[in-house]
Amino acid sequence: METTSSLDVINHLVKAMNACQLESALTLFEPGASFVVKPGVVVNGTAGIRQALERFMALRPTISIEAQQLVEVGDIVQFCARWTIRGTDPQGNPVQIQGRSSSILRRQVDGRWLFLLDNPWGTDIVP
């Protein structure tokens, strides 16, 4: 996937998650990236991120971003957002999860932006 901005990567991740396209979502992360599954639980690398995203996709999610901000400094971007996931658990019950993310993307040598750290619980980890 060719992206021209860090916002393209974020939008692509939302679309991939909503369409349950795991492989497409995984292409948006650096091989050694980290993902915060929940406060206090961090996975690293493609295998860990795959398992985390599979759990989110099991909800057959609809993700919406309610507000966002990007702060770019050179080849690094901090992405903060308020988001909501609506889905269905394995028993068929409706699920709604909300959070405030604080994630870091890095521009690669080839110009693409990829997630270095995706923390959907960004501001929720601070008591």
N, C-alpha and C. Protein backbone atom coordinates (compact mmCIF):
# COMPACT_ATOMS: atom_id res chain seq x y z
N MET A 1 0.84 -1.18 0.00
CA MET A 1 0.00 0.00 0.00
C MET A 1 0.88 1.24 0.00
N GLU A 2 0.63 2.14 -0.89
CA GLU A 2 1.38 3.38 -0.98
C GLU A 2 0.64 4.45 -0.16
N THR A 3 1.33 5.06 0.77
CA THR A 3 0.71 6.13 1.55
C THR A 3 1.52 7.39 1.38
N THR A 4 0.85 8.51 1.45
CA THR A 4 1.54 9.78 1.30
C THR A 4 1.64 10.53 2.61
N SER A 5 0.89 10.12 3.60
CA SER A 5 0.95 10.82 4.89
C SER A 5 0.67 9.84 6.02
N SER A 6 1.01 10.28 7.21
CA SER A 6 0.72 9.46 8.39
C SER A 6 -0.79 9.30 8.58
N LEU A 7 -1.56 10.30 8.22
CA LEU A 7 -3.02 10.20 8.34
C LEU A 7 -3.58 9.12 7.42
N ASP A 8 -2.94 8.92 6.24
CA ASP A 8 -3.35 7.84 5.34
C ASP A 8 -3.23 6.49 6.05
N VAL A 9 -2.15 6.29 6.81
CA VAL A 9 -1.92 5.03 7.51
C VAL A 9 -3.00 4.82 8.57
N ILE A 10 -3.32 5.86 9.30
CA ILE A 10 -4.34 5.77 10.34
C ILE A 10 -5.70 5.42 9.72
N ASN A 11 -6.05 6.11 8.64
CA ASN A 11 -7.32 5.83 7.97
C ASN A 11 -7.34 4.42 7.41
N HIS A 12 -6.21 3.96 6.88
CA HIS A 12 -6.14 2.60 6.34
C HIS A 12 -6.31 1.57 7.46
N LEU A 13 -5.73 1.84 8.64
CA LEU A 13 -5.88 0.91 9.76
C LEU A 13 -7.34 0.81 10.18
N VAL A 14 -8.02 1.93 10.26
CA VAL A 14 -9.45 1.92 10.63
C VAL A 14 -10.25 1.11 9.61
N LYS A 15 -10.00 1.35 8.32
CA LYS A 15 -10.73 0.62 7.28
C LYS A 15 -10.42 -0.88 7.35
N ALA A 16 -9.16 -1.24 7.55
CA ALA A 16 -8.78 -2.66 7.63
C ALA A 16 -9.43 -3.32 8.83
N MET A 17 -9.46 -2.64 9.96
CA MET A 17 -10.08 -3.21 11.16
C MET A 17 -11.59 -3.38 10.94
N ASN A 18 -12.24 -2.37 10.37
CA ASN A 18 -13.68 -2.46 10.13
C ASN A 18 -14.03 -3.56 9.15
N ALA A 19 -13.13 -3.85 8.21
CA ALA A 19 -13.37 -4.89 7.21
C ALA A 19 -12.80 -6.24 7.65
N CYS A 20 -12.23 -6.29 8.88
CA CYS A 20 -11.59 -7.51 9.40
C CYS A 20 -10.53 -8.04 8.44
N GLN A 21 -9.72 -7.15 7.89
CA GLN A 21 -8.63 -7.50 6.99
C GLN A 21 -7.32 -7.49 7.77
N LEU A 22 -7.07 -8.59 8.47
CA LEU A 22 -5.92 -8.69 9.36
C LEU A 22 -4.60 -8.45 8.64
N GLU A 23 -4.38 -9.10 7.52
CA GLU A 23 -3.10 -8.97 6.82
C GLU A 23 -2.86 -7.54 6.37
N SER A 24 -3.90 -6.88 5.91
CA SER A 24 -3.78 -5.49 5.50
C SER A 24 -3.40 -4.60 6.69
N ALA A 25 -4.03 -4.85 7.84
CA ALA A 25 -3.71 -4.07 9.04
C ALA A 25 -2.27 -4.30 9.48
N LEU A 26 -1.80 -5.53 9.39
CA LEU A 26 -0.44 -5.84 9.84
C LEU A 26 0.63 -5.14 9.01
N THR A 27 0.34 -4.83 7.75
CA THR A 27 1.33 -4.14 6.91
C THR A 27 1.59 -2.72 7.37
N LEU A 28 0.79 -2.22 8.29
CA LEU A 28 0.92 -0.83 8.75
C LEU A 28 1.81 -0.69 9.98
N PHE A 29 2.40 -1.81 10.43
CA PHE A 29 3.25 -1.82 11.62
C PHE A 29 4.68 -2.19 11.25
N GLU A 30 5.64 -1.51 11.88
CA GLU A 30 7.03 -1.92 11.73
C GLU A 30 7.17 -3.34 12.27
N PRO A 31 8.11 -4.14 11.76
CA PRO A 31 8.27 -5.52 12.25
C PRO A 31 8.50 -5.61 13.76
N GLY A 32 9.17 -4.65 14.34
CA GLY A 32 9.43 -4.68 15.78
C GLY A 32 8.52 -3.78 16.59
N ALA A 33 7.40 -3.39 16.00
CA ALA A 33 6.48 -2.46 16.67
C ALA A 33 5.89 -3.07 17.94
N SER A 34 5.32 -2.20 18.77
CA SER A 34 4.65 -2.62 19.99
C SER A 34 3.19 -2.18 19.94
N PHE A 35 2.33 -2.95 20.64
CA PHE A 35 0.90 -2.67 20.69
C PHE A 35 0.44 -2.88 22.13
N VAL A 36 -0.27 -1.90 22.67
CA VAL A 36 -0.79 -2.01 24.03
C VAL A 36 -2.16 -2.65 23.95
N VAL A 37 -2.25 -3.91 24.37
CA VAL A 37 -3.50 -4.67 24.31
C VAL A 37 -4.51 -4.09 25.29
N LYS A 38 -4.03 -3.80 26.48
CA LYS A 38 -4.81 -3.12 27.52
C LYS A 38 -3.77 -2.52 28.46
N PRO A 39 -4.16 -1.57 29.31
CA PRO A 39 -3.18 -0.98 30.21
C PRO A 39 -2.40 -2.06 30.96
N GLY A 40 -1.08 -1.99 30.84
CA GLY A 40 -0.21 -2.94 31.52
C GLY A 40 0.14 -4.17 30.70
N VAL A 41 -0.47 -4.35 29.52
CA VAL A 41 -0.19 -5.51 28.68
C VAL A 41 0.27 -5.02 27.30
N VAL A 42 1.56 -5.20 27.02
CA VAL A 42 2.15 -4.76 25.76
C VAL A 42 2.68 -5.98 25.01
N VAL A 43 2.36 -6.06 23.72
CA VAL A 43 2.93 -7.12 22.88
C VAL A 43 3.88 -6.46 21.89
N ASN A 44 4.87 -7.25 21.45
CA ASN A 44 5.89 -6.73 20.55
C ASN A 44 6.00 -7.62 19.33
N GLY A 45 6.27 -7.00 18.20
CA GLY A 45 6.51 -7.74 16.97
C GLY A 45 5.23 -8.18 16.29
N THR A 46 5.39 -8.66 15.07
CA THR A 46 4.26 -9.01 14.22
C THR A 46 3.38 -10.10 14.84
N ALA A 47 3.99 -11.13 15.42
CA ALA A 47 3.19 -12.23 15.99
C ALA A 47 2.30 -11.74 17.13
N GLY A 48 2.84 -10.93 18.02
CA GLY A 48 2.06 -10.41 19.13
C GLY A 48 0.96 -9.47 18.67
N ILE A 49 1.28 -8.61 17.71
CA ILE A 49 0.29 -7.67 17.19
C ILE A 49 -0.80 -8.44 16.45
N ARG A 50 -0.43 -9.48 15.72
CA ARG A 50 -1.42 -10.30 15.02
C ARG A 50 -2.45 -10.85 16.02
N GLN A 51 -1.99 -11.42 17.12
CA GLN A 51 -2.90 -11.98 18.12
C GLN A 51 -3.80 -10.90 18.71
N ALA A 52 -3.24 -9.74 18.99
CA ALA A 52 -4.03 -8.65 19.57
C ALA A 52 -5.10 -8.17 18.60
N LEU A 53 -4.73 -7.98 17.34
CA LEU A 53 -5.70 -7.51 16.35
C LEU A 53 -6.76 -8.57 16.05
N GLU A 54 -6.37 -9.84 16.08
CA GLU A 54 -7.36 -10.91 15.91
C GLU A 54 -8.44 -10.83 16.97
N ARG A 55 -8.05 -10.53 18.21
CA ARG A 55 -9.04 -10.43 19.31
C ARG A 55 -10.00 -9.27 19.06
N PHE A 56 -9.45 -8.13 18.60
CA PHE A 56 -10.33 -7.00 18.29
C PHE A 56 -11.25 -7.35 17.14
N MET A 57 -10.70 -7.99 16.10
CA MET A 57 -11.50 -8.32 14.92
C MET A 57 -12.56 -9.37 15.21
N ALA A 58 -12.36 -10.18 16.25
CA ALA A 58 -13.36 -11.17 16.63
C ALA A 58 -14.68 -10.50 17.03
N LEU A 59 -14.62 -9.24 17.39
CA LEU A 59 -15.82 -8.48 17.75
C LEU A 59 -16.60 -8.00 16.52
N ARG A 60 -16.06 -8.27 15.33
CA ARG A 60 -16.63 -7.74 14.09
C ARG A 60 -16.88 -6.24 14.28
N PRO A 61 -15.77 -5.50 14.50
CA PRO A 61 -15.89 -4.12 14.96
C PRO A 61 -16.30 -3.11 13.89
N THR A 62 -16.90 -2.06 14.39
CA THR A 62 -17.04 -0.82 13.65
C THR A 62 -16.33 0.22 14.50
N ILE A 63 -15.21 0.70 13.98
CA ILE A 63 -14.39 1.67 14.71
C ILE A 63 -14.68 3.05 14.15
N SER A 64 -14.88 4.00 15.03
CA SER A 64 -15.01 5.38 14.59
C SER A 64 -14.09 6.25 15.43
N ILE A 65 -13.51 7.23 14.78
CA ILE A 65 -12.64 8.19 15.46
C ILE A 65 -13.44 9.47 15.61
N GLU A 66 -13.58 9.91 16.85
CA GLU A 66 -14.42 11.07 17.14
C GLU A 66 -13.65 12.38 17.10
N ALA A 67 -12.38 12.35 17.44
CA ALA A 67 -11.53 13.53 17.40
C ALA A 67 -10.09 13.04 17.31
N GLN A 68 -9.25 13.78 16.62
CA GLN A 68 -7.87 13.34 16.48
C GLN A 68 -6.93 14.53 16.34
N GLN A 69 -5.69 14.27 16.67
CA GLN A 69 -4.65 15.28 16.51
C GLN A 69 -3.36 14.57 16.11
N LEU A 70 -2.65 15.14 15.16
CA LEU A 70 -1.35 14.65 14.74
C LEU A 70 -0.31 15.72 15.03
N VAL A 71 0.79 15.32 15.64
CA VAL A 71 1.91 16.23 15.86
C VAL A 71 3.12 15.59 15.20
N GLU A 72 3.62 16.24 14.15
CA GLU A 72 4.73 15.69 13.38
C GLU A 72 6.01 16.47 13.66
N VAL A 73 7.07 15.72 13.94
CA VAL A 73 8.39 16.31 14.12
C VAL A 73 9.36 15.45 13.32
N GLY A 74 9.80 15.97 12.19
CA GLY A 74 10.72 15.20 11.35
C GLY A 74 10.08 13.91 10.88
N ASP A 75 10.70 12.78 11.21
CA ASP A 75 10.23 11.48 10.77
C ASP A 75 9.39 10.76 11.82
N ILE A 76 8.90 11.48 12.81
CA ILE A 76 8.09 10.91 13.89
C ILE A 76 6.77 11.67 13.96
N VAL A 77 5.68 10.93 14.18
CA VAL A 77 4.36 11.54 14.38
C VAL A 77 3.75 10.95 15.64
N GLN A 78 3.20 11.82 16.47
CA GLN A 78 2.37 11.36 17.58
C GLN A 78 0.92 11.54 17.14
N PHE A 79 0.14 10.46 17.29
CA PHE A 79 -1.27 10.48 16.92
C PHE A 79 -2.08 10.28 18.19
N CYS A 80 -2.95 11.21 18.49
CA CYS A 80 -3.86 11.09 19.63
C CYS A 80 -5.28 11.15 19.09
N ALA A 81 -6.14 10.30 19.64
CA ALA A 81 -7.52 10.28 19.17
C ALA A 81 -8.45 9.80 20.26
N ARG A 82 -9.70 10.20 20.13
CA ARG A 82 -10.79 9.65 20.93
C ARG A 82 -11.55 8.73 19.98
N TRP A 83 -11.76 7.47 20.38
CA TRP A 83 -12.33 6.48 19.47
C TRP A 83 -13.40 5.64 20.17
N THR A 84 -14.20 4.98 19.35
CA THR A 84 -15.22 4.05 19.84
C THR A 84 -15.21 2.82 18.95
N ILE A 85 -15.33 1.65 19.57
CA ILE A 85 -15.53 0.40 18.85
C ILE A 85 -16.88 -0.15 19.26
N ARG A 86 -17.68 -0.46 18.25
CA ARG A 86 -18.95 -1.16 18.48
C ARG A 86 -18.84 -2.50 17.79
N GLY A 87 -19.25 -3.54 18.48
CA GLY A 87 -19.16 -4.87 17.90
C GLY A 87 -20.06 -5.85 18.62
N THR A 88 -19.75 -7.13 18.42
CA THR A 88 -20.54 -8.20 19.00
C THR A 88 -19.60 -9.24 19.57
N ASP A 89 -19.81 -9.64 20.82
CA ASP A 89 -18.94 -10.66 21.42
C ASP A 89 -19.31 -12.05 20.89
N PRO A 90 -18.50 -13.07 21.20
CA PRO A 90 -18.77 -14.42 20.67
C PRO A 90 -20.15 -14.98 21.04
N GLN A 91 -20.77 -14.49 22.11
CA GLN A 91 -22.10 -14.95 22.51
C GLN A 91 -23.21 -14.16 21.83
N GLY A 92 -22.85 -13.20 20.99
CA GLY A 92 -23.85 -12.41 20.28
C GLY A 92 -24.30 -11.15 21.00
N ASN A 93 -23.65 -10.82 22.11
CA ASN A 93 -24.02 -9.63 22.87
C ASN A 93 -23.33 -8.39 22.30
N PRO A 94 -24.03 -7.26 22.26
CA PRO A 94 -23.40 -6.04 21.77
C PRO A 94 -22.29 -5.58 22.72
N VAL A 95 -21.22 -5.04 22.13
CA VAL A 95 -20.07 -4.55 22.89
C VAL A 95 -19.77 -3.14 22.41
N GLN A 96 -19.49 -2.25 23.35
CA GLN A 96 -19.02 -0.93 23.00
C GLN A 96 -17.82 -0.61 23.89
N ILE A 97 -16.72 -0.24 23.25
CA ILE A 97 -15.48 0.10 23.95
C ILE A 97 -15.07 1.48 23.48
N GLN A 98 -14.62 2.31 24.42
CA GLN A 98 -14.14 3.64 24.07
C GLN A 98 -12.76 3.84 24.66
N GLY A 99 -12.00 4.72 24.05
CA GLY A 99 -10.68 5.02 24.58
C GLY A 99 -10.10 6.28 23.96
N ARG A 100 -8.93 6.60 24.45
CA ARG A 100 -8.18 7.75 23.94
C ARG A 100 -6.77 7.24 23.64
N SER A 101 -6.43 7.24 22.37
CA SER A 101 -5.15 6.67 21.96
C SER A 101 -4.03 7.71 21.99
N SER A 102 -2.82 7.19 22.12
CA SER A 102 -1.60 7.97 21.95
C SER A 102 -0.61 7.04 21.29
N SER A 103 -0.43 7.20 19.99
CA SER A 103 0.38 6.27 19.22
C SER A 103 1.50 7.02 18.49
N ILE A 104 2.54 6.29 18.14
CA ILE A 104 3.70 6.86 17.46
C ILE A 104 3.88 6.16 16.12
N LEU A 105 4.03 6.95 15.07
CA LEU A 105 4.35 6.44 13.74
C LEU A 105 5.71 6.98 13.34
N ARG A 106 6.41 6.22 12.48
CA ARG A 106 7.73 6.65 12.04
C ARG A 106 7.80 6.52 10.51
N ARG A 107 8.37 7.56 9.87
CA ARG A 107 8.57 7.51 8.43
C ARG A 107 9.73 6.57 8.13
N GLN A 108 9.51 5.66 7.20
CA GLN A 108 10.52 4.69 6.81
C GLN A 108 11.45 5.28 5.76
N VAL A 109 12.55 4.60 5.50
CA VAL A 109 13.52 5.06 4.50
C VAL A 109 12.85 5.25 3.14
N ASP A 110 11.88 4.40 2.81
CA ASP A 110 11.20 4.49 1.51
C ASP A 110 10.07 5.52 1.50
N GLY A 111 9.89 6.26 2.61
CA GLY A 111 8.89 7.32 2.68
C GLY A 111 7.56 6.91 3.29
N ARG A 112 7.32 5.60 3.44
CA ARG A 112 6.06 5.14 4.05
C ARG A 112 6.07 5.46 5.54
N TRP A 113 4.88 5.66 6.09
CA TRP A 113 4.70 5.81 7.52
C TRP A 113 4.18 4.49 8.07
N LEU A 114 4.75 4.02 9.20
CA LEU A 114 4.29 2.80 9.85
C LEU A 114 4.20 3.05 11.35
N PHE A 115 3.33 2.29 12.00
CA PHE A 115 3.21 2.37 13.46
C PHE A 115 4.45 1.78 14.11
N LEU A 116 5.03 2.51 15.03
CA LEU A 116 6.10 2.03 15.89
C LEU A 116 5.51 1.57 17.22
N LEU A 117 4.52 2.32 17.70
CA LEU A 117 3.82 2.01 18.94
C LEU A 117 2.36 2.40 18.77
N ASP A 118 1.48 1.45 18.92
CA ASP A 118 0.05 1.74 18.87
C ASP A 118 -0.52 1.49 20.26
N ASN A 119 -0.95 2.57 20.88
CA ASN A 119 -1.48 2.49 22.23
C ASN A 119 -2.91 3.03 22.26
N PRO A 120 -3.89 2.17 22.00
CA PRO A 120 -5.28 2.63 22.01
C PRO A 120 -5.73 3.16 23.37
N TRP A 121 -5.00 2.83 24.42
CA TRP A 121 -5.39 3.22 25.78
C TRP A 121 -4.53 4.37 26.28
N GLY A 122 -3.86 5.07 25.39
CA GLY A 122 -2.88 6.10 25.68
C GLY A 122 -3.07 6.90 26.93
N THR A 123 -4.14 7.64 27.01
CA THR A 123 -4.32 8.50 28.17
C THR A 123 -5.03 7.78 29.31
N ASP A 124 -5.57 6.60 29.05
CA ASP A 124 -6.27 5.86 30.10
C ASP A 124 -5.33 5.14 31.05
N ILE A 125 -4.03 5.06 30.70
CA ILE A 125 -3.10 4.36 31.56
C ILE A 125 -2.62 5.21 32.73
N VAL A 126 -2.89 6.52 32.65
CA VAL A 126 -2.46 7.43 33.71
C VAL A 126 -3.58 7.51 34.76
N PRO A 127 -3.29 7.12 36.01
CA PRO A 127 -4.35 7.17 37.03
C PRO A 127 -4.78 8.59 37.35
